[in-house]
Amino acid sequence: REKKDSSLVVAMNLVRNDDADAVVSAGSTGAILVGGQLVVGRIKG
């Protein structure tokens, strides 16, 4: 939520905005899980 210009969040926003098809990260598992849901978002249902 606070590090909007972090490498992980910026990468995920590329996917969210359809500028990338996928994001790959070897970073914090917790941040990847949270970012995946908050930034990329879940499929409806």
All heavy atoms as atom14 arrays in JSON, in Angstrom:
{
  "sequence": "REKKDSSLVVAMNLVRNDDADAVVSAGSTGAILVGGQLVVGRIKG",
  "atom14_mask": [
    [1, 1, 1, 1, 1, 1, 1, 1, 1, 1, 1, 0, 0, 0],
    [1, 1, 1, 1, 1, 1, 1, 1, 1, 0, 0, 0, 0, 0],
    [1, 1, 1, 1, 1, 1, 1, 1, 1, 0, 0, 0, 0, 0],
    [1, 1, 1, 1, 1, 1, 1, 1, 1, 0, 0, 0, 0, 0],
    [1, 1, 1, 1, 1, 1, 1, 1, 0, 0, 0, 0, 0, 0],
    [1, 1, 1, 1, 1, 1, 0, 0, 0, 0, 0, 0, 0, 0],
    [1, 1, 1, 1, 1, 1, 0, 0, 0, 0, 0, 0, 0, 0],
    [1, 1, 1, 1, 1, 1, 1, 1, 0, 0, 0, 0, 0, 0],
    [1, 1, 1, 1, 1, 1, 1, 0, 0, 0, 0, 0, 0, 0],
    [1, 1, 1, 1, 1, 1, 1, 0, 0, 0, 0, 0, 0, 0],
    [1, 1, 1, 1, 1, 0, 0, 0, 0, 0, 0, 0, 0, 0],
    [1, 1, 1, 1, 1, 1, 1, 1, 0, 0, 0, 0, 0, 0],
    [1, 1, 1, 1, 1, 1, 1, 1, 0, 0, 0, 0, 0, 0],
    [1, 1, 1, 1, 1, 1, 1, 1, 0, 0, 0, 0, 0, 0],
    [1, 1, 1, 1, 1, 1, 1, 0, 0, 0, 0, 0, 0, 0],
    [1, 1, 1, 1, 1, 1, 1, 1, 1, 1, 1, 0, 0, 0],
    [1, 1, 1, 1, 1, 1, 1, 1, 0, 0, 0, 0, 0, 0],
    [1, 1, 1, 1, 1, 1, 1, 1, 0, 0, 0, 0, 0, 0],
    [1, 1, 1, 1, 1, 1, 1, 1, 0, 0, 0, 0, 0, 0],
    [1, 1, 1, 1, 1, 0, 0, 0, 0, 0, 0, 0, 0, 0],
    [1, 1, 1, 1, 1, 1, 1, 1, 0, 0, 0, 0, 0, 0],
    [1, 1, 1, 1, 1, 0, 0, 0, 0, 0, 0, 0, 0, 0],
    [1, 1, 1, 1, 1, 1, 1, 0, 0, 0, 0, 0, 0, 0],
    [1, 1, 1, 1, 1, 1, 1, 0, 0, 0, 0, 0, 0, 0],
    [1, 1, 1, 1, 1, 1, 0, 0, 0, 0, 0, 0, 0, 0],
    [1, 1, 1, 1, 1, 0, 0, 0, 0, 0, 0, 0, 0, 0],
    [1, 1, 1, 1, 0, 0, 0, 0, 0, 0, 0, 0, 0, 0],
    [1, 1, 1, 1, 1, 1, 0, 0, 0, 0, 0, 0, 0, 0],
    [1, 1, 1, 1, 1, 1, 1, 0, 0, 0, 0, 0, 0, 0],
    [1, 1, 1, 1, 0, 0, 0, 0, 0, 0, 0, 0, 0, 0],
    [1, 1, 1, 1, 1, 0, 0, 0, 0, 0, 0, 0, 0, 0],
    [1, 1, 1, 1, 1, 1, 1, 1, 0, 0, 0, 0, 0, 0],
    [1, 1, 1, 1, 1, 1, 1, 1, 0, 0, 0, 0, 0, 0],
    [1, 1, 1, 1, 1, 1, 1, 0, 0, 0, 0, 0, 0, 0],
    [1, 1, 1, 1, 0, 0, 0, 0, 0, 0, 0, 0, 0, 0],
    [1, 1, 1, 1, 0, 0, 0, 0, 0, 0, 0, 0, 0, 0],
    [1, 1, 1, 1, 1, 1, 1, 1, 1, 0, 0, 0, 0, 0],
    [1, 1, 1, 1, 1, 1, 1, 1, 0, 0, 0, 0, 0, 0],
    [1, 1, 1, 1, 1, 1, 1, 0, 0, 0, 0, 0, 0, 0],
    [1, 1, 1, 1, 1, 1, 1, 0, 0, 0, 0, 0, 0, 0],
    [1, 1, 1, 1, 0, 0, 0, 0, 0, 0, 0, 0, 0, 0],
    [1, 1, 1, 1, 1, 1, 1, 1, 1, 1, 1, 0, 0, 0],
    [1, 1, 1, 1, 1, 1, 1, 1, 0, 0, 0, 0, 0, 0],
    [1, 1, 1, 1, 1, 1, 1, 1, 1, 0, 0, 0, 0, 0],
    [1, 1, 1, 1, 0, 0, 0, 0, 0, 0, 0, 0, 0, 0]
  ],
  "atom14_positions": [
    [[0.82, -1.22, 0.0], [0.0, 0.0, 0.0], [0.85, 1.27, 0.0], [0.5, 2.27, -0.62], [-0.95, 0.01, 1.2], [-2.06, -1.04, 1.12], [-3.04, -0.85, 2.27], [-4.05, -1.89, 2.31], [-5.14, -1.93, 1.55], [-5.36, -0.96, 0.68], [-6.02, -2.91, 1.67], [0.0, 0.0, 0.0], [0.0, 0.0, 0.0], [0.0, 0.0, 0.0]],
    [[1.98, 1.24, 0.71], [2.77, 2.46, 0.87], [3.88, 2.61, -0.15], [4.24, 3.73, -0.51], [3.36, 2.5, 2.29], [2.29, 2.63, 3.38], [2.89, 2.76, 4.77], [4.13, 2.71, 4.9], [2.1, 2.89, 5.73], [0.0, 0.0, 0.0], [0.0, 0.0, 0.0], [0.0, 0.0, 0.0], [0.0, 0.0, 0.0], [0.0, 0.0, 0.0]],
    [[4.44, 1.51, -0.62], [5.54, 1.59, -1.58], [5.01, 1.45, -3.01], [5.22, 0.44, -3.68], [6.6, 0.53, -1.27], [7.38, 0.81, 0.0], [8.57, -0.12, 0.15], [9.48, 0.31, 1.29], [10.66, -0.57, 1.43], [0.0, 0.0, 0.0], [0.0, 0.0, 0.0], [0.0, 0.0, 0.0], [0.0, 0.0, 0.0], [0.0, 0.0, 0.0]],
    [[4.33, 2.49, -3.44], [3.72, 2.47, -4.77], [4.75, 2.41, -5.9], [4.46, 1.94, -7.0], [2.86, 3.72, -4.97], [1.74, 3.89, -3.95], [0.69, 2.82, -4.07], [-0.49, 3.11, -3.13], [-1.52, 2.04, -3.2], [0.0, 0.0, 0.0], [0.0, 0.0, 0.0], [0.0, 0.0, 0.0], [0.0, 0.0, 0.0], [0.0, 0.0, 0.0]],
    [[5.99, 2.89, -5.61], [7.02, 2.9, -6.64], [8.06, 1.79, -6.41], [9.19, 1.89, -6.85], [7.72, 4.26, -6.69], [8.4, 4.49, -8.05], [7.79, 4.16, -9.08], [9.55, 4.98, -8.06], [0.0, 0.0, 0.0], [0.0, 0.0, 0.0], [0.0, 0.0, 0.0], [0.0, 0.0, 0.0], [0.0, 0.0, 0.0], [0.0, 0.0, 0.0]],
    [[7.62, 0.73, -5.73], [8.5, -0.42, -5.56], [8.51, -1.24, -6.85], [7.56, -1.2, -7.65], [8.03, -1.3, -4.4], [6.74, -1.84, -4.68], [0.0, 0.0, 0.0], [0.0, 0.0, 0.0], [0.0, 0.0, 0.0], [0.0, 0.0, 0.0], [0.0, 0.0, 0.0], [0.0, 0.0, 0.0], [0.0, 0.0, 0.0], [0.0, 0.0, 0.0]],
    [[9.58, -1.98, -7.05], [9.72, -2.77, -8.28], [8.58, -3.77, -8.43], [8.08, -4.0, -9.54], [11.06, -3.5, -8.29], [11.25, -4.28, -7.12], [0.0, 0.0, 0.0], [0.0, 0.0, 0.0], [0.0, 0.0, 0.0], [0.0, 0.0, 0.0], [0.0, 0.0, 0.0], [0.0, 0.0, 0.0], [0.0, 0.0, 0.0], [0.0, 0.0, 0.0]],
    [[8.14, -4.37, -7.32], [7.05, -5.35, -7.38], [5.73, -4.71, -7.76], [5.03, -5.19, -8.65], [6.92, -6.08, -6.03], [5.77, -7.09, -5.94], [5.97, -8.23, -6.94], [5.66, -7.64, -4.52], [0.0, 0.0, 0.0], [0.0, 0.0, 0.0], [0.0, 0.0, 0.0], [0.0, 0.0, 0.0], [0.0, 0.0, 0.0], [0.0, 0.0, 0.0]],
    [[5.37, -3.63, -7.1], [4.08, -2.97, -7.36], [4.04, -2.37, -8.77], [3.03, -2.48, -9.47], [3.79, -1.89, -6.3], [2.53, -1.11, -6.65], [3.64, -2.54, -4.92], [0.0, 0.0, 0.0], [0.0, 0.0, 0.0], [0.0, 0.0, 0.0], [0.0, 0.0, 0.0], [0.0, 0.0, 0.0], [0.0, 0.0, 0.0], [0.0, 0.0, 0.0]],
    [[5.13, -1.77, -9.19], [5.19, -1.2, -10.55], [5.04, -2.32, -11.58], [4.31, -2.18, -12.57], [6.51, -0.44, -10.77], [6.66, -0.03, -12.24], [6.56, 0.81, -9.88], [0.0, 0.0, 0.0], [0.0, 0.0, 0.0], [0.0, 0.0, 0.0], [0.0, 0.0, 0.0], [0.0, 0.0, 0.0], [0.0, 0.0, 0.0], [0.0, 0.0, 0.0]],
    [[5.7, -3.45, -11.35], [5.58, -4.58, -12.27], [4.15, -5.1, -12.32], [3.62, -5.42, -13.4], [6.54, -5.69, -11.85], [0.0, 0.0, 0.0], [0.0, 0.0, 0.0], [0.0, 0.0, 0.0], [0.0, 0.0, 0.0], [0.0, 0.0, 0.0], [0.0, 0.0, 0.0], [0.0, 0.0, 0.0], [0.0, 0.0, 0.0], [0.0, 0.0, 0.0]],
    [[3.51, -5.19, -11.17], [2.13, -5.68, -11.12], [1.16, -4.7, -11.79], [0.18, -5.12, -12.42], [1.71, -5.94, -9.68], [2.34, -7.19, -9.1], [1.66, -7.64, -7.5], [2.34, -9.31, -7.32], [0.0, 0.0, 0.0], [0.0, 0.0, 0.0], [0.0, 0.0, 0.0], [0.0, 0.0, 0.0], [0.0, 0.0, 0.0], [0.0, 0.0, 0.0]],
    [[1.44, -3.43, -11.68], [0.59, -2.44, -12.35], [0.7, -2.54, -13.87], [-0.25, -2.23, -14.59], [0.94, -1.03, -11.88], [0.14, -0.61, -10.66], [-1.09, -0.76, -10.64], [0.82, -0.12, -9.63], [0.0, 0.0, 0.0], [0.0, 0.0, 0.0], [0.0, 0.0, 0.0], [0.0, 0.0, 0.0], [0.0, 0.0, 0.0], [0.0, 0.0, 0.0]],
    [[1.85, -2.98, -14.36], [1.99, -3.21, -15.8], [1.02, -4.3, -16.27], [0.42, -4.2, -17.34], [3.43, -3.61, -16.14], [4.49, -2.52, -16.01], [5.88, -3.1, -16.22], [4.23, -1.39, -17.02], [0.0, 0.0, 0.0], [0.0, 0.0, 0.0], [0.0, 0.0, 0.0], [0.0, 0.0, 0.0], [0.0, 0.0, 0.0], [0.0, 0.0, 0.0]],
    [[0.86, -5.32, -15.44], [-0.09, -6.39, -15.76], [-1.52, -5.88, -15.63], [-2.37, -6.13, -16.49], [0.13, -7.61, -14.86], [-0.94, -8.68, -15.09], [1.52, -8.21, -15.1], [0.0, 0.0, 0.0], [0.0, 0.0, 0.0], [0.0, 0.0, 0.0], [0.0, 0.0, 0.0], [0.0, 0.0, 0.0], [0.0, 0.0, 0.0], [0.0, 0.0, 0.0]],
    [[-1.78, -5.14, -14.58], [-3.13, -4.6, -14.34], [-3.58, -3.7, -15.5], [-4.74, -3.73, -15.9], [-3.14, -3.82, -13.04], [-4.48, -3.16, -12.73], [-4.44, -2.44, -11.41], [-5.73, -1.85, -11.06], [-6.0, -1.28, -9.9], [-5.07, -1.22, -8.96], [-7.19, -0.77, -9.67], [0.0, 0.0, 0.0], [0.0, 0.0, 0.0], [0.0, 0.0, 0.0]],
    [[-2.64, -2.94, -16.05], [-2.97, -2.0, -17.13], [-2.79, -2.6, -18.53], [-2.81, -1.87, -19.52], [-2.09, -0.75, -16.99], [-2.34, 0.0, -15.69], [-3.46, 0.0, -15.17], [-1.3, 0.62, -15.12], [0.0, 0.0, 0.0], [0.0, 0.0, 0.0], [0.0, 0.0, 0.0], [0.0, 0.0, 0.0], [0.0, 0.0, 0.0], [0.0, 0.0, 0.0]],
    [[-2.6, -3.92, -18.58], [-2.44, -4.65, -19.84], [-1.19, -4.25, -20.63], [-1.15, -4.41, -21.85], [-3.69, -4.49, -20.73], [-4.92, -5.12, -20.13], [-4.78, -6.18, -19.49], [-6.03, -4.57, -20.28], [0.0, 0.0, 0.0], [0.0, 0.0, 0.0], [0.0, 0.0, 0.0], [0.0, 0.0, 0.0], [0.0, 0.0, 0.0], [0.0, 0.0, 0.0]],
    [[-0.19, -3.73, -19.94], [1.08, -3.43, -20.59], [2.04, -4.63, -20.52], [3.1, -4.62, -21.14], [1.74, -2.22, -19.92], [0.94, -0.93, -20.16], [0.46, -0.75, -21.29], [0.79, -0.14, -19.21], [0.0, 0.0, 0.0], [0.0, 0.0, 0.0], [0.0, 0.0, 0.0], [0.0, 0.0, 0.0], [0.0, 0.0, 0.0], [0.0, 0.0, 0.0]],
    [[1.64, -5.63, -19.75], [2.4, -6.88, -19.66], [1.42, -8.02, -19.44], [0.32, -7.82, -18.9], [3.42, -6.82, -18.52], [0.0, 0.0, 0.0], [0.0, 0.0, 0.0], [0.0, 0.0, 0.0], [0.0, 0.0, 0.0], [0.0, 0.0, 0.0], [0.0, 0.0, 0.0], [0.0, 0.0, 0.0], [0.0, 0.0, 0.0], [0.0, 0.0, 0.0]],
    [[1.81, -9.2, -19.89], [0.96, -10.38, -19.72], [1.18, -11.07, -18.4], [0.3, -11.79, -17.91], [1.24, -11.38, -20.85], [0.96, -10.8, -22.22], [-0.18, -10.37, -22.45], [1.89, -10.77, -23.06], [0.0, 0.0, 0.0], [0.0, 0.0, 0.0], [0.0, 0.0, 0.0], [0.0, 0.0, 0.0], [0.0, 0.0, 0.0], [0.0, 0.0, 0.0]],
    [[2.36, -10.9, -17.83], [2.71, -11.63, -16.61], [3.74, -10.87, -15.81], [4.46, -10.03, -16.35], [3.25, -13.01, -16.96], [0.0, 0.0, 0.0], [0.0, 0.0, 0.0], [0.0, 0.0, 0.0], [0.0, 0.0, 0.0], [0.0, 0.0, 0.0], [0.0, 0.0, 0.0], [0.0, 0.0, 0.0], [0.0, 0.0, 0.0], [0.0, 0.0, 0.0]],
    [[3.8, -11.17, -14.52], [4.85, -10.64, -13.67], [5.54, -11.82, -12.98], [4.89, -12.76, -12.53], [4.3, -9.64, -12.61], [3.22, -10.26, -11.76], [5.42, -9.11, -11.73], [0.0, 0.0, 0.0], [0.0, 0.0, 0.0], [0.0, 0.0, 0.0], [0.0, 0.0, 0.0], [0.0, 0.0, 0.0], [0.0, 0.0, 0.0], [0.0, 0.0, 0.0]],
    [[6.86, -11.76, -12.94], [7.66, -12.78, -12.27], [8.46, -12.1, -11.17], [9.08, -11.06, -11.41], [8.62, -13.5, -13.25], [9.57, -14.42, -12.49], [7.83, -14.29, -14.28], [0.0, 0.0, 0.0], [0.0, 0.0, 0.0], [0.0, 0.0, 0.0], [0.0, 0.0, 0.0], [0.0, 0.0, 0.0], [0.0, 0.0, 0.0], [0.0, 0.0, 0.0]],
    [[8.45, -12.68, -9.97], [9.21, -12.1, -8.86], [9.73, -13.19, -7.94], [9.05, -14.17, -7.67], [8.34, -11.13, -8.05], [9.05, -10.63, -6.93], [0.0, 0.0, 0.0], [0.0, 0.0, 0.0], [0.0, 0.0, 0.0], [0.0, 0.0, 0.0], [0.0, 0.0, 0.0], [0.0, 0.0, 0.0], [0.0, 0.0, 0.0], [0.0, 0.0, 0.0]],
    [[10.97, -12.99, -7.47], [11.56, -13.87, -6.47], [11.59, -13.16, -5.12], [12.29, -13.57, -4.21], [12.98, -14.26, -6.88], [0.0, 0.0, 0.0], [0.0, 0.0, 0.0], [0.0, 0.0, 0.0], [0.0, 0.0, 0.0], [0.0, 0.0, 0.0], [0.0, 0.0, 0.0], [0.0, 0.0, 0.0], [0.0, 0.0, 0.0], [0.0, 0.0, 0.0]],
    [[10.8, -12.11, -5.0], [10.77, -11.32, -3.79], [9.88, -11.9, -2.7], [9.56, -13.09, -2.71], [0.0, 0.0, 0.0], [0.0, 0.0, 0.0], [0.0, 0.0, 0.0], [0.0, 0.0, 0.0], [0.0, 0.0, 0.0], [0.0, 0.0, 0.0], [0.0, 0.0, 0.0], [0.0, 0.0, 0.0], [0.0, 0.0, 0.0], [0.0, 0.0, 0.0]],
    [[9.47, -11.07, -1.77], [8.67, -11.47, -0.61], [7.39, -12.19, -1.03], [6.57, -11.64, -1.77], [8.31, -10.24, 0.22], [7.23, -10.49, 1.09], [0.0, 0.0, 0.0], [0.0, 0.0, 0.0], [0.0, 0.0, 0.0], [0.0, 0.0, 0.0], [0.0, 0.0, 0.0], [0.0, 0.0, 0.0], [0.0, 0.0, 0.0], [0.0, 0.0, 0.0]],
    [[7.21, -13.41, -0.54], [6.0, -14.18, -0.87], [4.76, -13.46, -0.4], [3.77, -13.36, -1.14], [6.06, -15.58, -0.23], [7.21, -16.27, -0.7], [4.82, -16.39, -0.58], [0.0, 0.0, 0.0], [0.0, 0.0, 0.0], [0.0, 0.0, 0.0], [0.0, 0.0, 0.0], [0.0, 0.0, 0.0], [0.0, 0.0, 0.0], [0.0, 0.0, 0.0]],
    [[4.81, -12.94, 0.82], [3.65, -12.23, 1.36], [3.26, -11.03, 0.52], [2.08, -10.81, 0.24], [0.0, 0.0, 0.0], [0.0, 0.0, 0.0], [0.0, 0.0, 0.0], [0.0, 0.0, 0.0], [0.0, 0.0, 0.0], [0.0, 0.0, 0.0], [0.0, 0.0, 0.0], [0.0, 0.0, 0.0], [0.0, 0.0, 0.0], [0.0, 0.0, 0.0]],
    [[4.25, -10.25, 0.1], [3.98, -9.07, -0.73], [3.43, -9.48, -2.1], [2.55, -8.8, -2.65], [5.24, -8.24, -0.89], [0.0, 0.0, 0.0], [0.0, 0.0, 0.0], [0.0, 0.0, 0.0], [0.0, 0.0, 0.0], [0.0, 0.0, 0.0], [0.0, 0.0, 0.0], [0.0, 0.0, 0.0], [0.0, 0.0, 0.0], [0.0, 0.0, 0.0]],
    [[3.93, -10.57, -2.64], [3.44, -11.05, -3.94], [1.98, -11.48, -3.83], [1.16, -11.17, -4.69], [4.32, -12.21, -4.44], [5.7, -11.69, -4.81], [3.67, -12.9, -5.65], [6.72, -12.79, -5.07], [0.0, 0.0, 0.0], [0.0, 0.0, 0.0], [0.0, 0.0, 0.0], [0.0, 0.0, 0.0], [0.0, 0.0, 0.0], [0.0, 0.0, 0.0]],
    [[1.64, -12.17, -2.74], [0.25, -12.62, -2.53], [-0.69, -11.43, -2.35], [-1.77, -11.37, -2.94], [0.18, -13.54, -1.32], [0.97, -14.85, -1.4], [0.87, -15.63, -0.1], [0.48, -15.7, -2.56], [0.0, 0.0, 0.0], [0.0, 0.0, 0.0], [0.0, 0.0, 0.0], [0.0, 0.0, 0.0], [0.0, 0.0, 0.0], [0.0, 0.0, 0.0]],
    [[-0.25, -10.47, -1.52], [-1.08, -9.29, -1.28], [-1.19, -8.45, -2.55], [-2.29, -8.03, -2.94], [-0.49, -8.44, -0.13], [-1.21, -7.09, -0.03], [-0.6, -9.19, 1.19], [0.0, 0.0, 0.0], [0.0, 0.0, 0.0], [0.0, 0.0, 0.0], [0.0, 0.0, 0.0], [0.0, 0.0, 0.0], [0.0, 0.0, 0.0], [0.0, 0.0, 0.0]],
    [[-0.06, -8.21, -3.21], [-0.07, -7.42, -4.43], [-0.89, -8.07, -5.54], [-1.58, -7.38, -6.3], [0.0, 0.0, 0.0], [0.0, 0.0, 0.0], [0.0, 0.0, 0.0], [0.0, 0.0, 0.0], [0.0, 0.0, 0.0], [0.0, 0.0, 0.0], [0.0, 0.0, 0.0], [0.0, 0.0, 0.0], [0.0, 0.0, 0.0], [0.0, 0.0, 0.0]],
    [[-0.81, -9.38, -5.62], [-1.59, -10.08, -6.63], [-3.07, -9.81, -6.49], [-3.78, -9.59, -7.47], [0.0, 0.0, 0.0], [0.0, 0.0, 0.0], [0.0, 0.0, 0.0], [0.0, 0.0, 0.0], [0.0, 0.0, 0.0], [0.0, 0.0, 0.0], [0.0, 0.0, 0.0], [0.0, 0.0, 0.0], [0.0, 0.0, 0.0], [0.0, 0.0, 0.0]],
    [[-3.54, -9.79, -5.24], [-4.97, -9.58, -5.01], [-5.37, -8.1, -5.06], [-6.4, -7.75, -5.65], [-5.37, -10.19, -3.67], [-5.18, -11.7, -3.61], [-5.8, -12.32, -2.38], [-7.01, -12.38, -2.24], [-4.96, -12.79, -1.48], [0.0, 0.0, 0.0], [0.0, 0.0, 0.0], [0.0, 0.0, 0.0], [0.0, 0.0, 0.0], [0.0, 0.0, 0.0]],
    [[-4.53, -7.23, -4.47], [-4.88, -5.81, -4.41], [-4.61, -5.08, -5.73], [-5.38, -4.18, -6.11], [-4.11, -5.12, -3.28], [-4.44, -5.55, -1.85], [-3.61, -4.73, -0.86], [-5.93, -5.39, -1.56], [0.0, 0.0, 0.0], [0.0, 0.0, 0.0], [0.0, 0.0, 0.0], [0.0, 0.0, 0.0], [0.0, 0.0, 0.0], [0.0, 0.0, 0.0]],
    [[-3.53, -5.43, -6.41], [-3.14, -4.71, -7.62], [-3.68, -5.4, -8.88], [-4.38, -4.78, -9.68], [-1.6, -4.56, -7.71], [-1.22, -3.79, -8.97], [-1.06, -3.86, -6.47], [0.0, 0.0, 0.0], [0.0, 0.0, 0.0], [0.0, 0.0, 0.0], [0.0, 0.0, 0.0], [0.0, 0.0, 0.0], [0.0, 0.0, 0.0], [0.0, 0.0, 0.0]],
    [[-3.35, -6.66, -9.05], [-3.79, -7.38, -10.25], [-5.27, -7.72, -10.15], [-6.04, -7.55, -11.1], [-2.95, -8.65, -10.46], [-3.44, -9.43, -11.68], [-1.47, -8.3, -10.62], [0.0, 0.0, 0.0], [0.0, 0.0, 0.0], [0.0, 0.0, 0.0], [0.0, 0.0, 0.0], [0.0, 0.0, 0.0], [0.0, 0.0, 0.0], [0.0, 0.0, 0.0]],
    [[-5.7, -8.2, -9.0], [-7.11, -8.5, -8.76], [-7.49, -9.93, -9.1], [-6.89, -10.57, -9.96], [0.0, 0.0, 0.0], [0.0, 0.0, 0.0], [0.0, 0.0, 0.0], [0.0, 0.0, 0.0], [0.0, 0.0, 0.0], [0.0, 0.0, 0.0], [0.0, 0.0, 0.0], [0.0, 0.0, 0.0], [0.0, 0.0, 0.0], [0.0, 0.0, 0.0]],
    [[-8.52, -10.43, -8.41], [-9.0, -11.79, -8.63], [-9.97, -11.86, -9.8], [-10.69, -10.91, -10.08], [-9.7, -12.34, -7.39], [-8.83, -12.52, -6.19], [-9.49, -13.42, -5.15], [-10.81, -12.94, -4.75], [-11.03, -12.13, -3.72], [-10.02, -11.7, -3.0], [-12.26, -11.77, -3.41], [0.0, 0.0, 0.0], [0.0, 0.0, 0.0], [0.0, 0.0, 0.0]],
    [[-10.01, -13.01, -10.44], [-11.03, -13.29, -11.46], [-12.38, -13.31, -10.76], [-12.52, -13.86, -9.66], [-10.75, -14.65, -12.13], [-9.47, -14.59, -12.95], [-11.93, -15.08, -13.01], [-9.02, -15.93, -13.5], [0.0, 0.0, 0.0], [0.0, 0.0, 0.0], [0.0, 0.0, 0.0], [0.0, 0.0, 0.0], [0.0, 0.0, 0.0], [0.0, 0.0, 0.0]],
    [[-13.39, -12.74, -11.36], [-14.72, -12.7, -10.77], [-15.21, -14.12, -10.5], [-15.22, -14.97, -11.4], [-15.69, -11.98, -11.71], [-17.08, -11.78, -11.11], [-17.99, -11.01, -12.04], [-19.37, -10.79, -11.42], [-20.27, -10.03, -12.34], [0.0, 0.0, 0.0], [0.0, 0.0, 0.0], [0.0, 0.0, 0.0], [0.0, 0.0, 0.0], [0.0, 0.0, 0.0]],
    [[-15.61, -14.36, -9.27], [-16.09, -15.69, -8.9], [-15.07, -16.53, -8.17], [-15.42, -17.51, -7.52], [0.0, 0.0, 0.0], [0.0, 0.0, 0.0], [0.0, 0.0, 0.0], [0.0, 0.0, 0.0], [0.0, 0.0, 0.0], [0.0, 0.0, 0.0], [0.0, 0.0, 0.0], [0.0, 0.0, 0.0], [0.0, 0.0, 0.0], [0.0, 0.0, 0.0]]
  ]
}
